[in-house]
N, C-alpha and C. Protein backbone atom coordinates (compact mmCIF):
# COMPACT_ATOMS: atom_id res chain seq x y z
N MET A 1 2.68 -10.45 -17.33
CA MET A 1 3.77 -10.19 -16.45
C MET A 1 2.88 -9.98 -15.08
N SER A 2 3.82 -10.35 -13.88
CA SER A 2 3.13 -10.53 -12.63
C SER A 2 2.95 -8.88 -11.97
N PRO A 3 2.22 -8.66 -11.23
CA PRO A 3 2.07 -7.15 -10.53
C PRO A 3 3.48 -6.89 -9.65
N ARG A 4 3.97 -5.86 -9.90
CA ARG A 4 4.99 -5.37 -9.02
C ARG A 4 4.92 -4.04 -8.42
N ILE A 5 5.04 -3.85 -7.24
CA ILE A 5 4.65 -3.06 -6.39
C ILE A 5 5.75 -2.75 -5.54
N THR A 6 6.76 -1.68 -5.53
CA THR A 6 7.66 -1.30 -4.62
C THR A 6 7.50 0.04 -3.84
N ILE A 7 7.53 -0.09 -2.59
CA ILE A 7 7.28 1.22 -1.65
C ILE A 7 8.70 1.41 -0.75
N TYR A 8 9.01 2.63 -1.09
CA TYR A 8 10.38 2.92 -0.21
C TYR A 8 10.25 4.35 0.15
N MET A 9 11.34 4.57 1.04
CA MET A 9 11.47 6.13 1.29
C MET A 9 12.77 6.37 0.59
N SER A 10 12.70 7.75 -0.10
CA SER A 10 14.21 8.10 -0.80
C SER A 10 14.82 8.64 0.23
N GLU A 11 16.09 8.96 -0.18
CA GLU A 11 17.08 9.74 0.56
C GLU A 11 16.67 11.08 0.91
N ARG A 12 15.76 11.60 0.30
CA ARG A 12 15.07 12.97 0.65
C ARG A 12 14.01 12.89 1.65
N GLY A 13 13.71 11.60 2.05
CA GLY A 13 12.48 11.48 2.96
C GLY A 13 11.19 11.53 2.23
N GLU A 14 11.10 11.23 0.99
CA GLU A 14 9.83 11.17 0.17
C GLU A 14 9.49 9.71 0.05
N LEU A 15 8.12 9.43 0.45
CA LEU A 15 7.58 8.11 0.30
C LEU A 15 7.21 8.05 -1.26
N GLU A 16 7.84 6.88 -1.77
CA GLU A 16 7.84 6.71 -3.35
C GLU A 16 7.02 5.24 -3.50
N ILE A 17 6.12 5.27 -4.45
CA ILE A 17 5.29 3.91 -4.89
C ILE A 17 5.70 3.67 -6.25
N TRP A 18 6.55 2.65 -6.82
CA TRP A 18 6.75 2.39 -8.01
C TRP A 18 6.18 1.11 -8.44
N LEU A 19 5.37 1.12 -9.51
CA LEU A 19 4.62 0.06 -9.77
C LEU A 19 4.50 -0.13 -11.39
N ASN A 20 4.22 -1.46 -11.86
CA ASN A 20 4.14 -1.75 -13.26
C ASN A 20 2.71 -1.62 -13.50
N GLU A 21 2.21 -1.99 -14.75
CA GLU A 21 0.66 -1.80 -15.21
C GLU A 21 -0.02 -2.82 -14.29
N GLN A 22 0.49 -4.05 -14.24
CA GLN A 22 -0.46 -5.07 -13.36
C GLN A 22 -0.49 -4.59 -11.94
N GLY A 23 0.60 -3.93 -11.30
CA GLY A 23 0.66 -3.53 -9.82
C GLY A 23 -0.32 -2.37 -9.77
N ARG A 24 -0.26 -1.48 -10.81
CA ARG A 24 -1.37 -0.39 -10.71
C ARG A 24 -2.73 -0.82 -10.42
N ASP A 25 -3.10 -1.94 -11.42
CA ASP A 25 -4.50 -2.50 -11.55
C ASP A 25 -4.76 -3.10 -10.28
N LEU A 26 -4.00 -3.73 -9.64
CA LEU A 26 -4.15 -4.35 -8.46
C LEU A 26 -4.38 -3.55 -7.28
N LEU A 27 -3.35 -2.30 -7.15
CA LEU A 27 -3.73 -1.44 -6.08
C LEU A 27 -5.19 -0.87 -6.09
N VAL A 28 -5.31 -0.34 -7.54
CA VAL A 28 -6.62 0.48 -7.66
C VAL A 28 -7.81 -0.40 -7.43
N ARG A 29 -7.73 -1.77 -7.74
CA ARG A 29 -8.85 -2.55 -7.52
C ARG A 29 -8.94 -2.90 -6.06
N GLU A 30 -7.90 -3.07 -5.30
CA GLU A 30 -8.06 -3.08 -3.69
C GLU A 30 -8.54 -1.83 -3.27
N LEU A 31 -8.11 -0.73 -3.54
CA LEU A 31 -8.61 0.63 -3.16
C LEU A 31 -9.96 0.90 -3.48
N ARG A 32 -10.54 0.38 -4.54
CA ARG A 32 -11.80 0.68 -4.82
C ARG A 32 -12.85 -0.48 -4.07
N ALA A 33 -12.27 -1.48 -3.57
CA ALA A 33 -12.93 -2.51 -2.89
C ALA A 33 -13.05 -1.93 -1.49
N LEU A 34 -12.31 -1.02 -1.03
CA LEU A 34 -12.54 -0.63 0.50
C LEU A 34 -13.95 0.03 0.76
N SER A 35 -14.49 -0.46 1.97
CA SER A 35 -15.69 -0.12 2.39
C SER A 35 -15.98 -0.07 3.95
N GLU A 36 -16.97 0.22 4.30
CA GLU A 36 -17.27 0.24 5.88
C GLU A 36 -17.09 -1.27 6.29
N GLN A 37 -17.48 -2.21 5.39
CA GLN A 37 -17.46 -3.72 5.89
C GLN A 37 -15.92 -4.16 5.66
N SER A 38 -15.34 -3.63 4.59
CA SER A 38 -13.94 -4.08 4.34
C SER A 38 -13.09 -2.90 4.37
N ASP A 39 -12.63 -2.59 5.60
CA ASP A 39 -11.96 -0.97 5.74
C ASP A 39 -10.44 -1.04 5.66
N HIS A 40 -9.80 -2.29 5.48
CA HIS A 40 -8.38 -2.07 5.39
C HIS A 40 -7.80 -3.27 4.62
N PHE A 41 -6.64 -3.23 4.04
CA PHE A 41 -5.84 -4.23 3.55
C PHE A 41 -4.27 -3.99 3.74
N HIS A 42 -3.63 -5.10 3.62
CA HIS A 42 -2.17 -5.02 3.95
C HIS A 42 -1.45 -5.18 2.80
N LEU A 43 -0.19 -4.47 2.65
CA LEU A 43 0.88 -4.66 1.61
C LEU A 43 1.96 -5.18 2.27
N GLY A 44 2.71 -6.03 1.65
CA GLY A 44 3.84 -6.57 2.36
C GLY A 44 4.76 -7.21 1.47
N THR A 45 6.11 -7.45 2.02
CA THR A 45 7.07 -8.37 1.14
C THR A 45 7.11 -9.62 1.95
N PHE A 46 6.07 -10.02 2.74
CA PHE A 46 6.01 -11.07 3.47
C PHE A 46 4.73 -11.89 3.14
N ASP A 47 4.80 -13.17 3.30
CA ASP A 47 3.59 -14.11 3.05
C ASP A 47 2.48 -13.81 3.69
N GLY A 48 1.39 -13.73 3.13
CA GLY A 48 0.19 -13.57 3.80
C GLY A 48 -0.45 -12.09 3.76
N ALA A 49 0.30 -11.19 3.04
CA ALA A 49 -0.12 -10.12 2.65
C ALA A 49 -1.13 -10.04 1.72
N GLU A 50 -2.02 -9.09 1.68
CA GLU A 50 -3.37 -9.09 0.58
C GLU A 50 -2.80 -8.60 -0.77
N ILE A 51 -1.48 -7.64 -0.60
CA ILE A 51 -0.86 -7.41 -1.78
C ILE A 51 0.66 -7.56 -1.56
N LYS A 52 1.01 -8.45 -2.28
CA LYS A 52 2.68 -8.71 -2.27
C LYS A 52 3.52 -7.68 -2.78
N MET A 53 4.44 -7.11 -2.24
CA MET A 53 5.17 -5.81 -2.81
C MET A 53 6.68 -6.41 -2.97
N SER A 54 7.47 -5.74 -3.75
CA SER A 54 8.67 -6.18 -4.13
C SER A 54 9.61 -5.72 -3.20
N ASP A 55 10.75 -6.38 -2.81
CA ASP A 55 11.66 -5.91 -1.83
C ASP A 55 13.05 -5.31 -2.62
N ARG A 56 12.83 -5.29 -3.79
CA ARG A 56 13.90 -4.80 -4.57
C ARG A 56 14.09 -3.34 -4.71
N ALA A 57 15.34 -2.90 -4.24
CA ALA A 57 15.45 -1.27 -4.40
C ALA A 57 15.95 -1.05 -5.67
N TYR A 58 15.53 0.29 -6.00
CA TYR A 58 16.14 0.67 -7.41
C TYR A 58 17.31 1.57 -7.20
N ARG A 59 17.56 1.98 -6.08
CA ARG A 59 18.66 2.99 -5.76
C ARG A 59 19.33 2.39 -4.55
N PRO A 60 20.57 2.48 -4.35
CA PRO A 60 21.46 2.17 -3.29
C PRO A 60 20.91 2.81 -1.98
N THR A 61 20.36 3.99 -2.15
CA THR A 61 19.94 4.62 -0.77
C THR A 61 18.42 4.47 -0.44
N ASP A 62 17.76 3.73 -1.37
CA ASP A 62 16.27 3.38 -1.06
C ASP A 62 16.21 2.58 0.14
N LYS A 63 15.27 3.06 0.98
CA LYS A 63 14.84 2.18 2.31
C LYS A 63 13.58 1.71 1.94
N ILE A 64 13.56 0.28 1.73
CA ILE A 64 12.39 -0.46 1.33
C ILE A 64 11.43 -0.44 2.55
N VAL A 65 10.24 -0.28 2.38
CA VAL A 65 8.81 -0.31 3.30
C VAL A 65 8.58 -1.77 2.94
N HIS A 66 8.68 -2.70 4.23
CA HIS A 66 8.52 -4.03 3.95
C HIS A 66 6.88 -4.29 4.48
N SER A 67 6.26 -3.36 4.95
CA SER A 67 4.83 -3.48 5.56
C SER A 67 4.10 -2.35 5.55
N ALA A 68 2.95 -2.36 5.09
CA ALA A 68 2.06 -1.24 5.13
C ALA A 68 0.53 -1.70 5.40
N LYS A 69 -0.24 -0.72 5.72
CA LYS A 69 -1.67 -1.02 5.95
C LYS A 69 -2.50 0.31 5.35
N VAL A 70 -3.45 -0.02 4.43
CA VAL A 70 -4.20 1.08 3.85
C VAL A 70 -5.60 0.85 4.62
N CYS A 71 -6.09 1.98 5.22
CA CYS A 71 -7.46 1.95 5.89
C CYS A 71 -8.19 2.87 5.40
N PHE A 72 -9.39 2.46 5.43
CA PHE A 72 -10.55 3.38 4.77
C PHE A 72 -11.17 4.15 6.00
N ARG A 73 -11.28 5.42 5.80
CA ARG A 73 -11.70 6.26 6.95
C ARG A 73 -12.96 7.29 6.37
N PRO A 74 -14.20 6.62 6.29
CA PRO A 74 -15.16 7.49 5.95
C PRO A 74 -15.47 8.78 6.74
N ASP A 75 -15.96 9.96 6.14
CA ASP A 75 -16.05 11.07 6.69
C ASP A 75 -17.22 11.10 7.88
N ASP A 76 -17.93 10.41 7.75
CA ASP A 76 -18.97 9.99 8.74
C ASP A 76 -18.20 9.63 10.09
N TRP A 77 -17.35 8.73 9.87
CA TRP A 77 -16.47 8.16 11.01
C TRP A 77 -15.81 9.41 11.85
N ASP A 78 -15.33 10.07 10.88
CA ASP A 78 -14.50 11.24 11.70
C ASP A 78 -15.57 12.21 12.29
N ARG A 79 -16.67 12.36 11.56
CA ARG A 79 -17.91 13.32 12.39
C ARG A 79 -18.35 12.71 13.59
N HIS A 80 -18.36 11.56 13.87
CA HIS A 80 -18.78 10.90 15.01
C HIS A 80 -17.50 10.54 16.09
N GLY A 81 -16.38 10.91 15.54
CA GLY A 81 -15.13 10.76 16.59
C GLY A 81 -15.01 9.20 16.90
N LEU A 82 -15.25 8.35 15.85
CA LEU A 82 -14.81 7.12 16.13
C LEU A 82 -13.47 6.58 16.03
N PRO A 83 -12.79 6.15 16.93
CA PRO A 83 -11.29 5.82 16.91
C PRO A 83 -10.91 5.06 15.85
N LEU A 84 -9.68 4.93 15.36
CA LEU A 84 -9.34 4.10 14.27
C LEU A 84 -9.31 2.73 14.82
């Protein structure tokens, strides 16, 4: 089965991430690959996103997140006050 990751805001305002096993493995692999040299990746329902997300809502009140960016921010960068 192909990776499936859905990110949405619930009607209570909670950010929820729903994924299948392959989606979990893909997300963890991308998170583990973050470094100072490769400090972000994009998730999206659009072509070109490093991680393709599903745009299928599970409930009628879900507000799908169509684009997201995950950024690596080492403690050392914060200590030196470097901007994002």
